[in-house]
Protein backbone atom coordinates (compact mmCIF):
# COMPACT_ATOMS: atom_id res chain seq x y z
CA MET A 1 -4.82 113.21 -183.00
CA GLN A 2 -5.40 109.27 -183.87
CA ALA A 3 -6.08 106.59 -181.44
CA PRO A 4 -3.67 103.93 -181.39
CA ILE A 5 -4.50 100.61 -183.16
CA ASP A 6 -5.44 97.86 -180.71
CA ARG A 7 -2.75 95.03 -182.02
CA GLN A 8 -2.99 91.57 -180.19
CA SER A 9 -1.55 88.35 -180.94
CA VAL A 10 -1.90 85.09 -178.96
CA ASP A 11 0.58 82.52 -177.17
CA LEU A 12 0.24 79.15 -178.57
CA SER A 13 2.81 77.51 -176.44
CA ALA A 14 0.43 75.41 -174.96
CA TYR A 15 -0.55 73.94 -178.37
CA PRO A 16 2.08 72.81 -180.15
CA ASP A 17 0.29 69.95 -181.87
CA LEU A 18 -2.66 72.36 -183.05
CA VAL A 19 -4.54 71.17 -186.12
CA MET A 20 -6.80 73.97 -188.17
CA ILE A 21 -9.25 72.98 -190.44
CA MET A 22 -11.39 75.11 -192.95
CA LEU A 23 -14.23 73.03 -194.12
CA GLY A 24 -16.58 74.41 -196.98
CA PHE A 25 -20.14 73.08 -198.65
CA GLN A 26 -21.06 74.72 -201.89
CA LEU A 27 -24.56 74.30 -203.18
CA LYS A 28 -24.84 72.72 -206.98
CA GLY A 29 -28.60 72.88 -207.05
CA TRP A 30 -31.84 72.59 -205.04
CA ARG A 31 -30.90 68.57 -204.30
CA GLY A 32 -28.02 70.32 -202.10
CA LEU A 33 -30.67 71.90 -199.59
CA LEU A 34 -31.52 68.26 -198.83
CA ALA A 35 -27.93 67.27 -198.24
CA MET A 36 -27.70 70.81 -196.25
CA ARG A 37 -30.78 68.98 -194.14
CA ARG A 38 -29.14 65.99 -193.39
CA ILE A 39 -25.46 68.13 -192.44
CA GLY A 40 -27.00 70.79 -190.57
CA PRO A 41 -28.27 69.37 -187.49
CA GLY A 42 -24.82 67.99 -186.90
CA LEU A 43 -23.00 70.98 -187.47
CA ASN A 44 -25.18 73.09 -185.47
CA GLU A 45 -24.56 70.49 -182.78
CA ILE A 46 -21.04 70.46 -182.81
CA GLY A 47 -21.08 74.09 -182.66
CA ARG A 48 -23.25 73.89 -179.36
CA ARG A 49 -21.58 70.71 -177.44
CA ALA A 50 -17.85 71.19 -178.53
CA PRO A 51 -16.65 67.49 -179.11
CA GLU A 52 -13.13 66.95 -177.05
CA GLY A 53 -10.34 68.09 -178.43
CA LEU A 54 -12.27 70.78 -180.30
CA LEU A 55 -10.87 74.41 -179.28
CA ALA A 56 -13.37 76.23 -181.17
CA HIS A 57 -15.71 76.17 -184.16
CA GLU A 58 -16.55 79.16 -186.48
CA GLY A 59 -18.98 79.44 -189.08
CA MET A 60 -17.90 81.57 -192.40
CA MET A 61 -19.42 82.53 -195.67
CA PHE A 62 -17.99 82.27 -198.46
CA GLY A 63 -20.93 83.45 -200.77
CA LEU A 64 -24.52 83.09 -201.27
CA THR A 65 -24.26 79.32 -202.13
CA HIS A 66 -20.98 78.28 -200.81
CA PHE A 67 -20.17 78.56 -196.70
CA GLY A 68 -18.26 76.49 -194.14
CA PHE A 69 -16.44 76.42 -190.95
CA ARG A 70 -12.73 77.17 -189.28
CA GLN A 71 -12.32 74.75 -186.31
CA TYR A 72 -9.32 74.37 -184.13
CA TRP A 73 -8.32 71.35 -182.82
CA ARG A 74 -5.96 70.30 -179.94
CA ASP A 75 -4.12 67.84 -181.72
CA ILE A 76 -4.45 65.44 -185.34
CA ASP A 77 -5.49 62.58 -182.92
CA MET A 78 -8.69 64.21 -181.32
CA LEU A 79 -9.77 65.57 -184.67
CA GLU A 80 -9.34 61.54 -186.38
CA GLN A 81 -11.59 60.43 -183.37
CA PHE A 82 -14.10 63.09 -184.24
CA THR A 83 -13.93 62.12 -188.11
CA ARG A 84 -14.83 58.42 -187.05
CA SER A 85 -17.98 58.81 -184.56
CA GLU A 86 -21.00 60.37 -185.59
CA PRO A 87 -22.59 62.37 -187.30
CA HIS A 88 -19.23 62.82 -189.31
CA ALA A 89 -18.75 58.92 -190.23
CA ASP A 90 -22.48 58.61 -191.36
CA TRP A 91 -21.58 62.12 -193.59
CA TRP A 92 -18.88 60.24 -195.17
CA ARG A 93 -20.66 56.88 -195.58
CA ARG A 94 -23.32 58.61 -197.33
CA ILE A 95 -20.92 61.14 -199.42
CA ARG A 96 -22.14 60.03 -202.75
CA GLU A 97 -25.99 60.75 -202.21
CA LEU A 98 -24.63 63.68 -200.48
CA SER A 99 -22.66 65.10 -203.01
CA ALA A 100 -25.35 64.70 -205.97
CA GLY A 101 -26.48 68.02 -204.99
CA ALA A 102 -23.38 70.04 -203.00
CA GLY A 103 -19.95 70.18 -203.21
CA PHE A 104 -17.88 69.62 -200.06
CA TRP A 105 -14.17 70.35 -199.48
CA HIS A 106 -11.27 70.64 -196.41
CA GLU A 107 -8.33 72.07 -196.10
CA THR A 108 -6.13 71.14 -192.76
CA TYR A 109 -2.89 73.00 -191.24
CA HIS A 110 -0.96 71.49 -188.65
CA ALA A 111 1.08 73.98 -186.52
CA ARG A 112 3.76 71.25 -186.56
CA GLY A 113 4.24 71.45 -190.15
CA GLY A 114 2.20 70.02 -193.35
CA VAL A 115 -0.95 70.52 -195.19
CA GLU A 116 -3.54 68.51 -196.54
CA ALA A 117 -6.85 69.09 -198.52
CA LEU A 118 -9.56 66.98 -199.97
CA TYR A 119 -12.19 68.31 -202.68
CA VAL A 120 -15.30 66.23 -203.46
CA ALA A 121 -17.95 67.11 -206.41
CA MET A 122 -16.90 70.87 -206.26
CA PRO A 123 -18.30 72.98 -208.90
CA GLU A 124 -15.46 75.12 -209.36
CA PRO A 125 -11.57 75.11 -207.71
CA VAL A 126 -11.44 76.64 -204.59
CA GLY A 127 -8.82 77.22 -201.88
CA LEU A 128 -5.08 75.38 -202.71
CA GLN A 129 -7.02 73.49 -205.57
CA LYS A 130 -6.70 77.28 -207.36
CA PHE A 131 -2.79 77.03 -207.61
CA ALA A 132 -1.74 73.41 -206.32
CA PRO A 133 -1.31 70.45 -209.06
CA GLY A 134 -4.22 68.13 -208.24
CA ARG A 135 -3.26 64.33 -206.50
CA ARG A 136 -5.99 61.53 -206.40
CA PRO A 137 -6.49 60.53 -203.02
CA VAL A 138 -5.91 56.75 -203.75
CA GLY A 139 -3.40 54.44 -202.22
CA PRO A 140 -0.83 56.43 -200.13
CA PHE A 141 -2.90 59.69 -200.19
CA MET A 142 -6.32 58.28 -198.80
CA THR A 143 -6.54 59.39 -195.65
CA ALA A 144 -5.65 63.09 -194.24
CA ARG A 145 -2.69 61.84 -192.07
CA ALA A 146 -1.36 60.13 -194.84
CA ARG A 147 -1.55 62.80 -197.07
CA VAL A 148 -0.09 65.52 -194.24
CA GLN A 149 2.67 62.89 -193.65
CA GLY A 150 3.32 62.62 -197.36
CA GLY A 151 4.37 66.32 -197.14
CA VAL A 152 2.71 69.23 -198.20
CA THR A 153 0.18 67.47 -200.40
CA HIS A 154 -2.96 68.40 -202.51
CA ALA A 155 -5.95 65.83 -203.12
CA ALA A 156 -7.96 66.27 -206.25
CA SER A 157 -11.94 65.25 -206.22
CA PRO A 158 -12.26 61.38 -206.73
CA GLN A 159 -14.45 60.92 -209.86
């Protein structure tokens, strides 16, 4: 006789504004290891001491040179507050330098609806890029909030 399958679910009613973000980092060469040395300590710190609003932070492997994180945030305001603080703000100030050896991406999914994405220096399409048409992250699609408020959008990597 087979044992019953232990099926479970979750009650998200206490999290009406939940935001899930998937973040990826893909090494494109040896210079990518230098970028990871700059980013790695900050990512580890986020995992150890969650910023306000971060509900969960999990590491993921997509391949030998492609890894990332899945994070759950209480709401978009808390996520944006984090992105404007250190260490995240420093990473974006140095994105040109960091992307010389690595590609970066994020895809954000909102419980209230809407999806947005950004891909920087990725060597091959990933995630939503594999099927959705590209859109440059300029003008009204420059920020994550603007991209999600504009509907289901997809932002292509800047050249």
